[in-house]
Amino acid sequence: MKRLLALALFLCCGAAPAQDGLDLPRIVPRAATAAEAPQAPEPAEILVMFNLPAPHFRPDNYGSFDYREDAGHSARKRIAVAVAADYQLELIEDWAMPVLNIDCYRMRLRAGQPAAPVLEALARDRRIEWAQVIQDFAAQGGSDPLYRTQPAAGPWQLEEVRKAATGRKVTVAVVDSGIESNHPDLAGQVALEENFVDGQKYVAELHGTAVAGVIAARAGNGVGIEGVAPDARLLALRACWQASGATRCNSFTLAKAMNFALANGAQVINLSLSGPQDRLLQQLVEAAQVRGVRVVGAVDPARADGGFPANVPGVFAVASDGAPPRAGMHALLAPGRDIPTTMPGGRWGMVAGSSYAAAHISGMLALLEELKPQLPAARLRDGIVSNEGSAPLTGVDLCATIIRISGKCTCACQPSSSNRFARSP
């Protein structure tokens, strides 16, 4: 009966139907996707890293779109051009990443040229910091009318929690596909938009818009849903794009977006995606952790290790509630089934998957950052309380977590005596 009422309410609100394609947890190589397989193999692309001299490290603005005016850039580019010529590569573009003190050049192998021997040769070249292939990643898939249908509304006691925190002045970077910033539930929530996808303009897309709504949809505006942290500031960083029903990203687009997030004050970085181990991205994740930035990753249920970045020590790995436990991996459980959220076109719809579970945890971390800024990571992790009850009260107990970490909660709950979330090894 509740589902029928919820469906009727959705129809009244102009909601979109459920989107089965949103939970796309696996990394799918381009060549392995039948719908996208080209007639002839595409030339592989690689990333070649050159060291940035220390004097050029300027976290305030270096690495933004005007970084190419840096005095040493032309000299580094001459070296990159020479490297490309030596190894018969096509130099496509470059991007400074001062967070890691490197200049990253995107290069294309000639048709039919195998990547492995080129990478082996580049590894021995003293002009180069390191080189790697570009890899593909995939998305993982109260007063407002739909609030009561939100799985987190009751178990997470959001109405009570908001008396203590709303995520005010906390910046959350959503590294994803494009967000519809003028959506009725997201208007005013996005501090800035940036596009890191080559050859495409910034567009509003399904996955990014849905993730953004879970984190920070406006509360009390009389329409749609309410985000976990409705007063958080979102950085809409488009590093992914929709292709044949999937949401795709790659090493280069994700790295550019993460570098931007760290250079522009992100306190939480939401990565609702998964893929293979990646040296460049791992170093950016580790740089974020050193700075006290919380990185949230969606667990890939199809990969034994949960996939990257969820399997990186220190990342807040998140699985959908009800997911089976994983040997050797400590993942937070959060609502990830039948989630109402924002959709492009000013609509709302239902989604499912660890992408949206991760978005819940990013919202939670924004609340905790407001209450206890820059709390040491170990203390933050030890303070997260998991519920021992039965569904739907499984996973993180937000109210008890806030009490344990800050002591500032008006919730009618007490901290649990047990804490099932342990630090990743």
Protein backbone atom coordinates (compact mmCIF):
# COMPACT_ATOMS: atom_id res chain seq x y z
CA MET A 1 0.00 0.00 0.00
CA LYS A 2 2.85 2.38 0.89
CA ARG A 3 4.48 1.76 -2.51
CA LEU A 4 1.18 2.57 -4.28
CA LEU A 5 0.83 5.80 -2.31
CA ALA A 6 4.44 6.70 -3.05
CA LEU A 7 3.95 6.01 -6.77
CA ALA A 8 0.81 8.15 -6.84
CA LEU A 9 2.68 10.93 -5.11
CA PHE A 10 5.52 10.66 -7.65
CA LEU A 11 3.07 10.95 -10.53
CA CYS A 12 1.53 14.05 -8.95
CA CYS A 13 4.99 15.58 -8.63
CA GLY A 14 6.01 14.81 -12.21
CA ALA A 15 8.50 12.19 -11.12
CA ALA A 16 10.52 10.10 -13.52
CA PRO A 17 10.13 6.33 -13.53
CA ALA A 18 12.75 4.11 -11.93
CA GLN A 19 16.00 3.97 -13.84
CA ASP A 20 17.40 0.45 -13.86
CA GLY A 21 20.59 1.60 -15.57
CA LEU A 22 21.79 3.79 -12.70
CA ASP A 23 23.43 1.08 -10.67
CA LEU A 24 26.40 0.35 -12.92
CA PRO A 25 29.06 -0.73 -10.49
CA ARG A 26 31.55 -2.45 -12.73
CA ILE A 27 34.43 -1.09 -14.68
CA VAL A 28 33.64 -1.90 -18.30
CA PRO A 29 36.52 -1.53 -20.79
CA ARG A 30 35.40 0.30 -23.92
CA ALA A 31 36.30 -2.63 -26.18
CA ALA A 32 34.27 -5.04 -24.03
CA THR A 33 31.01 -3.11 -24.36
CA ALA A 34 29.15 -4.56 -27.30
CA ALA A 35 27.00 -1.49 -27.87
CA GLU A 36 30.08 0.71 -28.06
CA ALA A 37 32.55 -1.63 -29.76
CA PRO A 38 34.02 0.13 -32.82
CA GLN A 39 34.57 -1.58 -36.11
CA ALA A 40 38.35 -1.15 -35.71
CA PRO A 41 40.25 -0.88 -32.43
CA GLU A 42 40.73 2.66 -31.21
CA PRO A 43 44.33 3.81 -30.60
CA ALA A 44 45.14 3.54 -26.90
CA GLU A 45 45.87 6.65 -24.89
CA ILE A 46 48.40 7.07 -22.11
CA LEU A 47 49.26 9.70 -19.51
CA VAL A 48 52.87 10.85 -19.20
CA MET A 49 53.85 12.72 -16.04
CA PHE A 50 56.62 15.32 -15.82
CA ASN A 51 57.82 16.81 -12.56
CA LEU A 52 56.82 20.40 -11.78
CA PRO A 53 59.65 22.40 -10.19
CA ALA A 54 58.84 23.28 -6.59
CA PRO A 55 58.71 27.09 -7.15
CA HIS A 56 55.67 26.59 -9.38
CA PHE A 57 53.64 24.98 -6.60
CA ARG A 58 50.88 27.51 -5.92
CA PRO A 59 47.80 25.82 -4.42
CA ASP A 60 45.84 29.08 -4.55
CA ASN A 61 45.25 29.12 -8.30
CA TYR A 62 47.95 27.22 -10.12
CA GLY A 63 46.45 24.33 -12.06
CA SER A 64 43.34 26.23 -13.05
CA PHE A 65 42.56 27.09 -16.64
CA ASP A 66 45.22 29.78 -16.82
CA TYR A 67 48.09 27.61 -15.59
CA ARG A 68 49.52 27.51 -19.10
CA GLU A 69 50.76 31.07 -18.59
CA ASP A 70 53.32 29.68 -16.13
CA ALA A 71 56.81 30.67 -17.26
CA GLY A 72 58.19 27.12 -17.23
CA HIS A 73 55.34 25.57 -19.17
CA SER A 74 56.87 26.13 -22.60
CA ALA A 75 60.09 24.42 -21.53
CA ARG A 76 58.20 21.41 -20.18
CA LYS A 77 56.16 21.26 -23.33
CA ARG A 78 59.31 21.16 -25.48
CA ILE A 79 60.44 18.13 -23.48
CA ALA A 80 57.01 16.53 -23.89
CA VAL A 81 57.08 17.13 -27.64
CA ALA A 82 60.51 15.50 -27.81
CA VAL A 83 59.31 12.50 -25.79
CA ALA A 84 56.28 12.13 -28.06
CA ALA A 85 58.52 12.17 -31.13
CA ASP A 86 60.98 9.67 -29.62
CA TYR A 87 58.24 7.13 -28.93
CA GLN A 88 56.04 7.88 -31.96
CA LEU A 89 53.21 9.27 -29.85
CA GLU A 90 50.67 11.99 -30.61
CA LEU A 91 50.59 14.72 -27.96
CA ILE A 92 46.95 15.68 -27.38
CA GLU A 93 46.81 17.97 -24.33
CA ASP A 94 48.32 18.63 -20.92
CA TRP A 95 47.14 19.60 -17.45
CA ALA A 96 49.11 20.76 -14.42
CA MET A 97 48.34 18.96 -11.15
CA PRO A 98 50.14 20.96 -8.47
CA VAL A 99 48.58 18.83 -5.75
CA LEU A 100 51.04 16.12 -6.85
CA ASN A 101 53.67 18.52 -8.23
CA ILE A 102 53.36 17.06 -11.74
CA ASP A 103 52.43 18.17 -15.24
CA CYS A 104 50.25 15.50 -16.87
CA TYR A 105 50.37 15.02 -20.67
CA ARG A 106 47.78 13.00 -22.53
CA MET A 107 49.28 11.15 -25.51
CA ARG A 108 47.91 8.72 -28.08
CA LEU A 109 49.66 5.63 -29.38
CA ARG A 110 49.68 5.17 -33.13
CA ALA A 111 47.14 2.67 -34.49
CA GLY A 112 48.11 -0.88 -33.61
CA GLN A 113 50.99 0.20 -31.38
CA PRO A 114 51.00 -1.93 -28.19
CA ALA A 115 51.05 0.05 -24.95
CA ALA A 116 53.13 -2.29 -22.77
CA PRO A 117 56.54 -1.90 -24.45
CA VAL A 118 56.07 1.88 -24.72
CA LEU A 119 55.26 2.13 -21.01
CA GLU A 120 58.27 -0.03 -20.16
CA ALA A 121 60.54 2.25 -22.18
CA LEU A 122 59.02 5.39 -20.68
CA ALA A 123 59.62 3.99 -17.18
CA ARG A 124 63.35 4.02 -17.92
CA ASP A 125 63.37 7.54 -19.38
CA ARG A 126 64.81 9.97 -16.83
CA ARG A 127 62.88 12.88 -18.30
CA ILE A 128 59.64 11.30 -17.07
CA GLU A 129 58.21 10.91 -13.57
CA TRP A 130 55.98 8.00 -14.64
CA ALA A 131 53.55 6.93 -17.37
CA GLN A 132 50.35 4.90 -17.35
CA VAL A 133 47.42 3.97 -19.53
CA ILE A 134 44.18 5.92 -19.34
CA GLN A 135 41.68 3.60 -17.69
CA ASP A 136 37.89 3.59 -17.74
CA PHE A 137 35.66 3.93 -14.69
CA ALA A 138 31.90 3.50 -14.31
CA ALA A 139 29.33 5.01 -11.96
CA GLN A 140 27.83 2.69 -9.34
CA GLY A 141 25.17 3.04 -9.94
CA GLY A 142 9.38 16.63 6.17
CA SER A 143 7.62 19.51 4.46
CA ASP A 144 8.70 18.27 1.06
CA PRO A 145 6.24 15.81 -0.51
CA LEU A 146 8.69 12.95 -1.14
CA TYR A 147 10.53 13.26 2.17
CA ARG A 148 8.52 10.50 3.84
CA THR A 149 9.43 8.05 1.09
CA GLN A 150 13.17 8.56 1.66
CA PRO A 151 14.68 5.46 3.32
CA ALA A 152 16.98 7.65 5.44
CA ALA A 153 14.25 9.98 6.71
CA GLY A 154 13.08 7.80 9.61
CA PRO A 155 16.06 5.56 10.47
CA TRP A 156 18.51 8.46 10.22
CA GLN A 157 16.11 10.80 12.11
CA LEU A 158 16.89 13.61 9.69
CA GLU A 159 14.37 16.05 11.17
CA GLU A 160 16.01 15.77 14.57
CA VAL A 161 19.54 15.73 13.20
CA ARG A 162 18.96 19.06 11.45
CA LYS A 163 18.50 20.71 14.82
CA ALA A 164 22.20 20.01 15.33
CA ALA A 165 23.69 20.34 11.82
CA THR A 166 22.77 20.91 8.17
CA GLY A 167 26.20 20.92 6.53
CA ARG A 168 26.38 24.72 6.61
CA LYS A 169 29.51 26.16 4.96
CA VAL A 170 30.89 22.69 4.17
CA THR A 171 32.06 22.16 0.58
CA VAL A 172 31.33 18.80 -1.04
CA ALA A 173 32.88 18.04 -4.44
CA VAL A 174 30.65 15.80 -6.55
CA VAL A 175 33.03 14.27 -9.10
CA ASP A 176 30.49 12.75 -11.44
CA SER A 177 28.46 13.46 -14.56
CA GLY A 178 26.79 16.87 -14.95
CA ILE A 179 24.42 18.21 -12.30
CA GLU A 180 21.25 20.15 -13.14
CA SER A 181 22.00 23.18 -10.98
CA ASN A 182 18.69 24.92 -11.70
CA HIS A 183 16.58 21.92 -10.64
CA PRO A 184 13.87 23.09 -8.18
CA ASP A 185 15.50 21.04 -5.42
CA LEU A 186 19.09 22.07 -6.29
CA ALA A 187 18.71 25.75 -7.14
CA GLY A 188 21.23 27.67 -5.05
CA GLN A 189 22.96 24.50 -3.82
CA VAL A 190 25.77 24.43 -6.42
CA ALA A 191 28.59 26.87 -5.76
CA LEU A 192 30.26 26.31 -9.13
CA GLU A 193 30.28 24.06 -12.19
CA GLU A 194 33.36 22.90 -14.07
CA ASN A 195 33.64 20.57 -17.03
CA PHE A 196 36.65 18.23 -17.41
CA VAL A 197 35.29 16.06 -20.25
CA ASP A 198 37.12 16.79 -23.48
CA GLY A 199 35.16 17.92 -26.51
CA GLN A 200 31.83 18.22 -24.71
CA LYS A 201 30.06 21.15 -23.12
CA TYR A 202 28.74 20.96 -19.58
CA VAL A 203 25.33 19.27 -19.58
CA ALA A 204 22.95 18.08 -16.87
CA GLU A 205 22.96 14.28 -16.65
CA LEU A 206 21.10 11.66 -14.71
CA HIS A 207 23.71 10.14 -12.41
CA GLY A 208 25.35 13.35 -11.20
CA THR A 209 22.00 15.06 -10.66
CA ALA A 210 20.69 12.10 -8.66
CA VAL A 211 23.81 11.90 -6.46
CA ALA A 212 23.69 15.67 -5.82
CA GLY A 213 20.08 15.45 -4.68
CA VAL A 214 20.80 12.77 -2.11
CA ILE A 215 23.61 14.88 -0.65
CA ALA A 216 22.17 18.39 -0.64
CA ALA A 217 18.64 18.78 -2.05
CA ARG A 218 16.96 21.81 -0.49
CA ALA A 219 14.92 21.17 2.64
CA GLY A 220 11.59 22.80 3.40
CA ASN A 221 11.02 24.30 -0.04
CA GLY A 222 7.75 22.45 -0.52
CA VAL A 223 8.84 20.27 -3.42
CA GLY A 224 10.61 16.96 -3.95
CA ILE A 225 13.08 15.52 -1.45
CA GLU A 226 15.47 16.73 1.25
CA GLY A 227 19.20 16.12 1.11
CA VAL A 228 21.13 14.69 4.05
CA ALA A 229 23.12 17.97 4.28
CA PRO A 230 20.80 20.57 2.69
CA ASP A 231 23.03 23.55 3.52
CA ALA A 232 26.24 22.08 2.08
CA ARG A 233 27.89 23.83 -0.88
CA LEU A 234 28.35 21.60 -3.93
CA LEU A 235 31.16 21.72 -6.47
CA ALA A 236 29.66 20.21 -9.61
CA LEU A 237 32.74 18.71 -11.29
CA ARG A 238 31.81 16.93 -14.50
CA ALA A 239 34.41 14.22 -15.04
CA CYS A 240 31.97 11.57 -16.31
CA TRP A 241 29.53 11.38 -19.18
CA GLN A 242 26.57 9.30 -20.27
CA ALA A 243 27.22 6.80 -23.04
CA SER A 244 24.85 4.06 -24.21
CA GLY A 245 22.94 4.05 -20.94
CA ALA A 246 26.07 3.95 -18.76
CA THR A 247 27.93 6.69 -16.93
CA ARG A 248 31.63 6.57 -17.86
CA CYS A 249 34.81 8.33 -16.71
CA ASN A 250 38.53 7.86 -17.22
CA SER A 251 41.81 8.42 -15.39
CA PHE A 252 42.48 11.80 -16.99
CA THR A 253 39.05 13.39 -16.50
CA LEU A 254 38.84 12.16 -12.91
CA ALA A 255 42.36 13.36 -12.09
CA LYS A 256 41.67 16.84 -13.46
CA ALA A 257 38.49 17.08 -11.39
CA MET A 258 40.13 15.83 -8.19
CA ASN A 259 43.05 18.23 -8.58
CA PHE A 260 40.52 21.06 -8.99
CA ALA A 261 38.55 19.94 -5.93
CA LEU A 262 41.65 19.98 -3.75
CA ALA A 263 42.77 23.36 -5.10
CA ASN A 264 39.33 24.86 -4.42
CA GLY A 265 38.64 23.94 -0.83
CA ALA A 266 36.66 20.71 -1.03
CA GLN A 267 36.21 19.18 2.42
CA VAL A 268 34.44 16.05 1.19
CA ILE A 269 34.93 14.40 -2.22
CA ASN A 270 32.17 12.06 -3.39
CA LEU A 271 33.30 9.38 -5.87
CA SER A 272 30.22 7.30 -6.68
CA LEU A 273 32.16 5.19 -9.18
CA SER A 274 34.48 2.22 -9.43
CA GLY A 275 37.29 0.88 -11.56
CA PRO A 276 40.79 -0.65 -11.53
CA GLN A 277 43.77 0.47 -9.47
CA ASP A 278 45.19 3.69 -10.88
CA ARG A 279 48.47 5.24 -9.76
CA LEU A 280 47.61 8.85 -10.61
CA LEU A 281 44.19 8.72 -8.95
CA GLN A 282 45.54 6.88 -5.91
CA GLN A 283 48.12 9.59 -5.35
CA LEU A 284 45.41 12.24 -5.55
CA VAL A 285 43.30 10.31 -3.03
CA GLU A 286 46.28 10.07 -0.70
CA ALA A 287 47.00 13.80 -1.14
CA ALA A 288 43.40 14.50 -0.14
CA GLN A 289 43.73 12.37 2.97
CA VAL A 290 46.94 14.16 4.02
CA ARG A 291 45.02 17.44 3.81
CA GLY A 292 42.18 16.08 5.98
CA VAL A 293 39.73 15.86 3.08
CA ARG A 294 37.21 13.01 3.40
CA VAL A 295 37.07 10.80 0.30
CA VAL A 296 33.99 8.62 -0.17
CA GLY A 297 33.94 5.69 -2.61
CA ALA A 298 31.14 3.38 -3.76
CA VAL A 299 31.76 -0.35 -3.31
CA ASP A 300 31.52 -2.36 -6.52
CA PRO A 301 29.54 -5.51 -5.64
CA ALA A 302 30.96 -7.31 -8.67
CA ARG A 303 34.59 -6.99 -7.52
CA ALA A 304 35.99 -9.07 -4.67
CA ASP A 305 38.05 -6.16 -3.32
CA GLY A 306 35.24 -3.62 -3.74
CA GLY A 307 37.02 -1.83 -6.59
CA PHE A 308 38.99 1.41 -6.64
CA PRO A 309 38.74 3.86 -4.86
CA ALA A 310 36.67 2.03 -2.22
CA ASN A 311 39.53 -0.41 -1.58
CA VAL A 312 42.08 2.32 -0.77
CA PRO A 313 42.96 2.47 2.94
CA GLY A 314 41.41 5.54 4.53
CA VAL A 315 38.66 5.97 1.94
CA PHE A 316 35.12 5.80 3.32
CA ALA A 317 33.97 2.71 1.43
CA VAL A 318 30.20 2.48 1.21
CA ALA A 319 27.90 -0.38 0.18
CA SER A 320 24.14 -0.43 -0.16
CA ASP A 321 22.24 -1.57 2.94
CA GLY A 322 21.54 -5.28 2.82
CA ALA A 323 24.72 -5.98 0.87
CA PRO A 324 26.56 -9.14 1.96
CA PRO A 325 29.68 -8.62 4.09
CA ARG A 326 33.08 -8.71 2.36
CA ALA A 327 36.01 -10.63 3.74
CA GLY A 328 38.85 -8.28 4.66
CA MET A 329 36.91 -5.11 3.79
CA HIS A 330 35.19 -2.84 6.28
CA ALA A 331 32.47 -0.94 4.43
CA LEU A 332 29.82 1.37 5.78
CA LEU A 333 26.24 0.45 4.91
CA ALA A 334 23.83 3.22 3.92
CA PRO A 335 20.47 3.44 2.12
CA GLY A 336 20.91 2.33 -1.48
CA ARG A 337 17.55 0.87 -2.52
CA ASP A 338 14.38 2.63 -3.68
CA ILE A 339 15.90 6.09 -3.22
CA PRO A 340 13.81 9.05 -4.44
CA THR A 341 16.01 11.83 -5.76
CA THR A 342 16.43 14.61 -8.30
CA MET A 343 16.47 13.98 -12.06
CA PRO A 344 17.27 16.21 -15.05
CA GLY A 345 14.35 18.17 -16.46
CA GLY A 346 13.17 19.35 -13.05
CA ARG A 347 11.87 15.89 -12.19
CA TRP A 348 12.30 13.30 -9.46
CA GLY A 349 12.69 9.54 -9.76
CA MET A 350 13.71 6.35 -7.97
CA VAL A 351 17.28 5.02 -8.06
CA ALA A 352 19.25 2.19 -6.47
CA GLY A 353 22.88 1.23 -6.00
CA SER A 354 25.99 1.91 -3.96
CA SER A 355 26.39 5.25 -5.78
CA TYR A 356 23.53 6.60 -3.74
CA ALA A 357 24.61 4.86 -0.54
CA ALA A 358 27.94 6.70 -0.94
CA ALA A 359 26.08 9.99 -1.44
CA HIS A 360 24.31 9.44 1.92
CA ILE A 361 27.68 9.04 3.65
CA SER A 362 29.06 12.16 1.93
CA GLY A 363 26.08 14.05 3.34
CA MET A 364 26.74 12.57 6.78
CA LEU A 365 30.40 13.62 6.64
CA ALA A 366 29.34 17.16 5.72
CA LEU A 367 27.20 17.26 8.88
CA LEU A 368 30.09 15.99 11.00
CA GLU A 369 32.50 18.46 9.39
CA GLU A 370 30.20 21.31 10.39
CA LEU A 371 30.08 20.07 13.98
CA LYS A 372 33.72 19.00 14.34
CA PRO A 373 35.88 20.61 11.63
CA GLN A 374 39.08 18.77 10.76
CA LEU A 375 38.50 16.02 13.30
CA PRO A 376 41.41 13.55 12.98
CA ALA A 377 40.46 10.70 10.65
CA ALA A 378 41.03 7.99 13.27
CA ARG A 379 38.70 9.68 15.75
CA LEU A 380 36.09 10.24 13.06
CA ARG A 381 36.12 6.60 12.02
CA ASP A 382 36.01 5.35 15.60
CA GLY A 383 33.00 7.58 16.21
CA ILE A 384 30.83 6.14 13.46
CA VAL A 385 28.11 3.96 15.00
CA SER A 386 26.51 1.06 13.14
CA ASN A 387 23.10 -0.27 14.02
CA GLU A 388 22.74 -3.88 15.09
CA GLY A 389 19.01 -3.94 14.40
CA SER A 390 17.13 -5.58 11.54
CA ALA A 391 16.22 -3.93 8.24
CA PRO A 392 15.55 -1.13 7.58
CA LEU A 393 17.60 -0.16 10.65
CA THR A 394 20.83 -1.65 9.36
CA GLY A 395 24.01 0.19 8.59
CA VAL A 396 25.07 3.58 9.94
CA ASP A 397 23.18 5.09 12.86
CA LEU A 398 23.51 8.77 11.99
CA CYS A 399 21.89 10.12 15.13
CA ALA A 400 24.00 8.03 17.49
CA THR A 401 27.11 8.92 15.47
CA ILE A 402 26.47 12.64 15.93
CA ILE A 403 25.95 12.17 19.66
CA ARG A 404 29.15 10.15 20.00
CA ILE A 405 31.33 12.51 17.95
CA SER A 406 29.96 15.92 18.95
CA GLY A 407 27.52 15.48 21.83
CA LYS A 408 25.24 17.93 19.98
CA CYS A 409 22.08 16.09 19.07
CA THR A 410 18.48 16.48 20.13
CA CYS A 411 17.63 13.03 18.80
CA ALA A 412 15.67 10.60 20.91
CA CYS A 413 18.47 8.06 20.80
CA GLN A 414 21.58 7.05 22.66
CA PRO A 415 24.96 6.05 21.23
CA SER A 416 25.20 2.34 20.58
CA SER A 417 27.58 0.36 22.76
CA SER A 418 28.97 -1.32 19.66
CA ASN A 419 30.62 0.06 16.59
CA ARG A 420 30.77 -2.32 13.68
CA PHE A 421 32.85 -0.03 11.48
CA ALA A 422 36.56 -0.46 11.85
CA ARG A 423 39.40 1.27 10.10
CA SER A 424 40.51 -0.28 6.87
CA PRO A 425 43.77 -2.22 7.16
